[in-house]
Amino acid sequence: MSEYLTIENRHTGETLKMQRVREASGFVYLTLDGSSPSGGKGPPLHKHVMEVEEGVVASGTLGATVAGKKVVIAAGGSASFPNGVVHSWWNEGQDELFFNGRVTPVVDLDRFLQALFAVTNSGAPGKRPPIFYLAHVLWRHRHTQVIVTPPVLVQRIVFPVVLLVGTLLGKYRSNDWPGAPNSCPGAPEVRA
């Protein structure tokens, strides 16, 4: 029986099931299988500095923006989100969207998503995620995962200030706050 990290965004209904797979050669990839309900919103515009996401739409219809261009992919079609390219995706259709993906090389996308979902889920419905925890997650992953809103330059100026204030207020004192590094070990690794 294989182990997975399963996370759900309670605000959007998006679910992700992830696993790091190590082949006999030593090569490791991340499986990223997920679903999104009808009308489900995916992530905001973002880019992965080193990782490439590729996948197949198992059922439903995937809408995406890749490098500023909208694409729609029906069941059976494939999508690729190259590293360094700003993209986003969502459920474009009326049926639930299911997709099966793979991420290479494995850097930290699983830990980033685990932390981001924890922070998002800790916020009230319809409200922005708690800024102290969101800033911490985005700052510690800034070299590998980039959300482009607010603009990166603004993030580079504002987030260190937010982190300083959060530290002074004791927001990061223990390991039980939403998105704390120790609470986000990422997907388990299995042998192929």
Protein backbone atom coordinates (compact mmCIF):
# COMPACT_ATOMS: atom_id res chain seq x y z
CA MET A 1 0.00 0.00 0.00
CA SER A 2 1.47 3.34 -1.06
CA GLU A 3 1.54 6.38 1.15
CA TYR A 4 0.52 9.84 -0.05
CA LEU A 5 0.32 13.33 1.29
CA THR A 6 -3.28 14.43 0.75
CA ILE A 7 -4.25 18.06 1.21
CA GLU A 8 -7.48 19.95 0.60
CA ASN A 9 -8.27 23.63 0.28
CA ARG A 10 -11.47 23.91 2.31
CA HIS A 11 -12.36 27.21 0.61
CA THR A 12 -12.14 26.01 -3.02
CA GLY A 13 -12.65 22.24 -2.69
CA GLU A 14 -9.37 21.56 -4.52
CA THR A 15 -7.66 18.36 -3.37
CA LEU A 16 -4.15 17.18 -4.09
CA LYS A 17 -2.55 13.80 -3.49
CA MET A 18 1.26 13.80 -3.72
CA GLN A 19 4.04 11.29 -3.51
CA ARG A 20 7.78 11.43 -4.23
CA VAL A 21 8.75 8.43 -6.35
CA ARG A 22 12.37 7.22 -6.46
CA GLU A 23 13.28 5.09 -9.46
CA ALA A 24 15.97 2.40 -9.30
CA SER A 25 18.33 4.81 -11.07
CA GLY A 26 17.94 7.27 -8.19
CA PHE A 27 15.85 9.75 -10.20
CA VAL A 28 13.03 11.24 -8.10
CA TYR A 29 9.79 12.80 -9.36
CA LEU A 30 6.71 14.10 -7.60
CA THR A 31 3.28 12.74 -8.50
CA LEU A 32 0.58 15.36 -8.24
CA ASP A 33 -2.94 14.02 -8.65
CA GLY A 34 -5.85 16.25 -7.89
CA SER A 35 -9.40 17.34 -8.34
CA SER A 36 -11.38 20.55 -8.40
CA PRO A 37 -15.18 20.91 -8.24
CA SER A 38 -17.24 22.54 -10.97
CA GLY A 39 -16.30 26.22 -11.14
CA GLY A 40 -13.36 25.56 -8.83
CA LYS A 41 -10.63 28.13 -8.73
CA GLY A 42 -7.07 26.94 -8.77
CA PRO A 43 -4.01 28.79 -7.56
CA PRO A 44 -3.25 32.45 -8.23
CA LEU A 45 -0.75 33.33 -10.96
CA HIS A 46 2.59 31.83 -9.99
CA LYS A 47 5.76 30.24 -11.31
CA HIS A 48 8.09 27.47 -10.25
CA VAL A 49 11.69 28.58 -10.55
CA MET A 50 13.15 25.10 -11.23
CA GLU A 51 10.29 22.59 -11.38
CA VAL A 52 8.26 21.63 -14.46
CA GLU A 53 4.65 20.50 -14.03
CA GLU A 54 3.17 18.16 -16.63
CA GLY A 55 -0.07 16.28 -16.52
CA VAL A 56 -3.08 14.73 -18.17
CA VAL A 57 -6.69 15.73 -17.66
CA ALA A 58 -8.34 12.47 -16.54
CA SER A 59 -11.86 13.92 -16.66
CA GLY A 60 -13.47 17.32 -16.83
CA THR A 61 -12.03 20.43 -18.45
CA LEU A 62 -8.94 22.33 -17.36
CA GLY A 63 -8.64 26.04 -18.03
CA ALA A 64 -5.21 27.60 -17.71
CA THR A 65 -3.24 30.72 -18.33
CA VAL A 66 0.33 30.04 -19.43
CA ALA A 67 2.61 32.98 -20.16
CA GLY A 68 -0.45 35.21 -20.56
CA LYS A 69 -2.28 32.92 -23.00
CA LYS A 70 -5.48 31.10 -22.09
CA VAL A 71 -5.76 27.42 -22.96
CA VAL A 72 -8.60 24.95 -22.44
CA ILE A 73 -7.81 21.24 -22.19
CA ALA A 74 -10.49 18.55 -22.32
CA ALA A 75 -10.32 15.05 -20.85
CA GLY A 76 -7.47 13.07 -22.37
CA GLY A 77 -5.48 16.19 -23.18
CA SER A 78 -2.19 17.12 -21.59
CA ALA A 79 -0.80 20.29 -20.09
CA SER A 80 2.71 21.48 -19.40
CA PHE A 81 3.74 24.34 -17.13
CA PRO A 82 7.44 25.02 -17.75
CA ASN A 83 9.72 26.27 -15.01
CA GLY A 84 10.03 30.04 -14.87
CA VAL A 85 6.75 30.60 -16.74
CA VAL A 86 3.89 32.39 -14.97
CA HIS A 87 0.75 30.25 -15.00
CA SER A 88 -2.49 29.43 -13.24
CA TRP A 89 -5.24 26.87 -13.74
CA TRP A 90 -8.89 26.26 -12.80
CA ASN A 91 -11.87 24.01 -13.54
CA GLU A 92 -13.25 25.38 -16.80
CA GLY A 93 -16.14 22.93 -17.05
CA GLN A 94 -19.38 21.94 -15.38
CA ASP A 95 -18.09 18.56 -14.18
CA GLU A 96 -15.51 17.86 -11.51
CA LEU A 97 -11.96 18.11 -12.85
CA PHE A 98 -9.51 15.26 -12.21
CA PHE A 99 -5.89 15.43 -13.33
CA ASN A 100 -2.78 13.31 -12.96
CA GLY A 101 0.52 15.14 -12.95
CA ARG A 102 4.22 14.82 -12.50
CA VAL A 103 6.75 17.39 -11.33
CA THR A 104 10.48 17.30 -12.13
CA PRO A 105 12.99 17.92 -10.78
CA VAL A 106 11.66 17.63 -7.25
CA VAL A 107 12.62 20.69 -5.23
CA ASP A 108 10.02 21.76 -2.66
CA LEU A 109 6.63 22.11 -4.37
CA ASP A 110 5.05 19.52 -2.05
CA ARG A 111 6.23 21.31 1.11
CA PHE A 112 5.22 24.69 -0.32
CA LEU A 113 1.70 23.49 -1.20
CA GLN A 114 1.30 21.77 2.16
CA ALA A 115 2.21 25.00 3.96
CA LEU A 116 0.14 27.21 1.66
CA PHE A 117 -2.97 25.04 2.08
CA ALA A 118 -2.49 25.06 5.89
CA VAL A 119 -2.31 28.86 5.93
CA THR A 120 -5.25 29.23 3.53
CA ASN A 121 -7.38 26.81 5.54
CA SER A 122 -6.66 28.72 8.76
CA GLY A 123 -8.31 31.85 7.37
CA ALA A 124 -12.00 32.68 7.44
CA PRO A 125 -14.04 31.90 4.30
CA GLY A 126 -13.95 34.75 1.80
CA LYS A 127 -11.10 36.48 3.63
CA ARG A 128 -7.41 36.71 2.83
CA PRO A 129 -5.15 34.17 4.55
CA PRO A 130 -3.48 35.38 7.79
CA ILE A 131 -0.70 37.71 6.60
CA PHE A 132 1.95 36.73 9.19
CA TYR A 133 1.81 33.06 8.19
CA LEU A 134 1.36 33.68 4.46
CA ALA A 135 4.35 36.02 4.43
CA HIS A 136 6.45 33.40 6.23
CA VAL A 137 5.59 30.67 3.69
CA LEU A 138 6.10 32.88 0.64
CA TRP A 139 9.35 34.31 2.01
CA ARG A 140 10.94 30.97 2.90
CA HIS A 141 10.11 29.54 -0.54
CA ARG A 142 10.93 32.75 -2.47
CA HIS A 143 13.86 31.18 -4.34
CA THR A 144 11.81 28.24 -5.68
CA GLN A 145 8.08 29.14 -5.76
CA VAL A 146 6.82 32.60 -6.69
CA ILE A 147 3.29 33.99 -6.37
CA VAL A 148 3.23 37.08 -8.60
CA THR A 149 0.58 39.08 -6.70
CA PRO A 150 1.46 41.30 -4.96
CA PRO A 151 4.36 42.13 -7.30
CA VAL A 152 7.60 40.40 -6.34
CA LEU A 153 9.35 43.72 -5.69
CA VAL A 154 6.64 44.65 -3.18
CA GLN A 155 6.99 41.22 -1.54
CA ARG A 156 10.77 41.70 -1.19
CA ILE A 157 10.20 44.98 0.66
CA VAL A 158 7.06 44.23 2.70
CA PHE A 159 7.50 40.58 3.76
CA PRO A 160 10.71 41.10 5.80
CA VAL A 161 8.88 43.84 7.73
CA VAL A 162 5.85 41.57 8.28
CA LEU A 163 8.17 38.77 9.45
CA LEU A 164 9.95 41.08 11.87
CA VAL A 165 6.65 42.28 13.34
CA GLY A 166 5.37 38.68 13.49
CA THR A 167 8.52 37.59 15.31
CA LEU A 168 8.21 40.47 17.80
CA LEU A 169 4.54 39.54 18.39
CA GLY A 170 5.48 35.88 18.98
CA LYS A 171 3.58 34.54 15.94
CA TYR A 172 6.35 32.01 15.14
CA ARG A 173 7.28 31.02 18.70
CA SER A 174 6.13 27.38 18.55
CA ASN A 175 5.75 24.82 15.78
CA ASP A 176 1.96 24.67 15.80
CA TRP A 177 1.13 27.75 13.74
CA PRO A 178 -0.38 27.31 10.24
CA GLY A 179 2.34 26.51 7.71
CA ALA A 180 5.15 26.14 10.26
CA PRO A 181 8.18 24.51 8.60
CA ASN A 182 8.25 21.52 10.98
CA SER A 183 4.57 20.81 10.29
CA CYS A 184 5.13 20.61 6.51
CA PRO A 185 7.48 17.70 5.78
CA GLY A 186 6.10 17.22 2.26
CA ALA A 187 5.12 14.07 0.41
CA PRO A 188 6.44 10.67 1.47
CA GLU A 189 9.03 9.05 -0.76
CA VAL A 190 8.39 5.57 -2.18
CA ARG A 191 10.34 3.27 -4.47
CA ALA A 192 9.10 2.85 -8.03
